[in-house]
């Protein structure tokens, strides 16, 4: 991993925190802060850009 883990700016400190880091080859890594040794979600830079575009376009509103 080439960058340290950082908490999401939307994490309210209520134990529901998401952390992210950039991998050595540019991938975006996501984990649950309560389980740092647990499973990771890994996204390519293109997948991450597409996800962020969807968030900005309110594609995931409930």
C-alpha atoms as a PDB file:
ATOM      1  CA  UNK A   1       0.000   0.000   0.000  1.00  0.00           C
ATOM      2  CA  UNK A   2       1.418   3.402  -0.901  1.00  0.00           C
ATOM      3  CA  UNK A   3      -0.779   5.749   1.178  1.00  0.00           C
ATOM      4  CA  UNK A   4      -1.973   5.600   4.794  1.00  0.00           C
ATOM      5  CA  UNK A   5      -5.582   4.745   5.590  1.00  0.00           C
ATOM      6  CA  UNK A   6      -7.897   7.754   5.960  1.00  0.00           C
ATOM      7  CA  UNK A   7     -11.417   7.991   7.360  1.00  0.00           C
ATOM      8  CA  UNK A   8     -14.275   9.215   5.227  1.00  0.00           C
ATOM      9  CA  UNK A   9     -15.199  12.838   5.927  1.00  0.00           C
ATOM     10  CA  UNK A  10     -18.795  11.589   6.369  1.00  0.00           C
ATOM     11  CA  UNK A  11     -17.863   9.255   9.235  1.00  0.00           C
ATOM     12  CA  UNK A  12     -19.608  10.665  12.293  1.00  0.00           C
ATOM     13  CA  UNK A  13     -17.601   8.759  14.874  1.00  0.00           C
ATOM     14  CA  UNK A  14     -20.587   6.568  15.780  1.00  0.00           C
ATOM     15  CA  UNK A  15     -18.661   3.399  14.976  1.00  0.00           C
ATOM     16  CA  UNK A  16     -19.796   3.283  11.359  1.00  0.00           C
ATOM     17  CA  UNK A  17     -16.584   4.479   9.756  1.00  0.00           C
ATOM     18  CA  UNK A  18     -15.279   3.746   6.307  1.00  0.00           C
ATOM     19  CA  UNK A  19     -11.560   4.061   5.641  1.00  0.00           C
ATOM     20  CA  UNK A  20      -9.854   4.312   2.291  1.00  0.00           C
ATOM     21  CA  UNK A  21      -6.350   4.204   0.873  1.00  0.00           C
ATOM     22  CA  UNK A  22      -4.694   4.202  -2.520  1.00  0.00           C
ATOM     23  CA  UNK A  23      -2.915   0.959  -3.352  1.00  0.00           C
ATOM     24  CA  UNK A  24       0.597   0.671  -4.740  1.00  0.00           C
ATOM     25  CA  UNK A  25      -0.686   0.309  -8.303  1.00  0.00           C
ATOM     26  CA  UNK A  26      -3.321   3.065  -8.042  1.00  0.00           C
ATOM     27  CA  UNK A  27      -6.320   1.000  -6.968  1.00  0.00           C
ATOM     28  CA  UNK A  28      -8.691   2.379  -4.312  1.00  0.00           C
ATOM     29  CA  UNK A  29      -9.003   0.235  -1.183  1.00  0.00           C
ATOM     30  CA  UNK A  30     -11.998   0.478   1.176  1.00  0.00           C
ATOM     31  CA  UNK A  31     -12.361  -1.145   4.607  1.00  0.00           C
ATOM     32  CA  UNK A  32     -14.468  -1.017   7.763  1.00  0.00           C
ATOM     33  CA  UNK A  33     -12.540   0.817  10.490  1.00  0.00           C
ATOM     34  CA  UNK A  34     -13.934  -1.555  13.134  1.00  0.00           C
ATOM     35  CA  UNK A  35     -12.290  -4.493  11.365  1.00  0.00           C
ATOM     36  CA  UNK A  36      -9.008  -3.244   9.833  1.00  0.00           C
ATOM     37  CA  UNK A  37      -7.721  -6.776   9.291  1.00  0.00           C
ATOM     38  CA  UNK A  38     -10.936  -7.889   7.621  1.00  0.00           C
ATOM     39  CA  UNK A  39     -11.967  -7.937   3.988  1.00  0.00           C
ATOM     40  CA  UNK A  40     -11.253  -5.074   1.602  1.00  0.00           C
ATOM     41  CA  UNK A  41     -13.157  -3.737  -1.341  1.00  0.00           C
ATOM     42  CA  UNK A  42     -10.786  -2.972  -4.200  1.00  0.00           C
ATOM     43  CA  UNK A  43     -11.661  -0.711  -7.131  1.00  0.00           C
ATOM     44  CA  UNK A  44      -9.694   0.218 -10.230  1.00  0.00           C
ATOM     45  CA  UNK A  45      -9.303   3.974 -10.762  1.00  0.00           C
ATOM     46  CA  UNK A  46     -11.932   3.802 -13.537  1.00  0.00           C
ATOM     47  CA  UNK A  47     -14.412   1.946 -11.358  1.00  0.00           C
ATOM     48  CA  UNK A  48     -13.890   4.472  -8.568  1.00  0.00           C
ATOM     49  CA  UNK A  49     -14.432   7.426 -10.931  1.00  0.00           C
ATOM     50  CA  UNK A  50     -17.658   5.816 -12.180  1.00  0.00           C
ATOM     51  CA  UNK A  51     -18.854   5.271  -8.602  1.00  0.00           C
ATOM     52  CA  UNK A  52     -18.098   8.878  -7.629  1.00  0.00           C
ATOM     53  CA  UNK A  53     -19.892  10.151 -10.744  1.00  0.00           C
ATOM     54  CA  UNK A  54     -22.933   8.106  -9.719  1.00  0.00           C
ATOM     55  CA  UNK A  55     -22.841   9.600  -6.222  1.00  0.00           C
ATOM     56  CA  UNK A  56     -22.597  13.119  -7.633  1.00  0.00           C
ATOM     57  CA  UNK A  57     -25.541  12.421  -9.956  1.00  0.00           C
ATOM     58  CA  UNK A  58     -27.686  11.089  -7.067  1.00  0.00           C
ATOM     59  CA  UNK A  59     -27.925   7.642  -8.669  1.00  0.00           C
ATOM     60  CA  UNK A  60     -27.915   5.955  -5.256  1.00  0.00           C
ATOM     61  CA  UNK A  61     -30.554   7.987  -3.434  1.00  0.00           C
ATOM     62  CA  UNK A  62     -33.170   5.948  -1.566  1.00  0.00           C
END
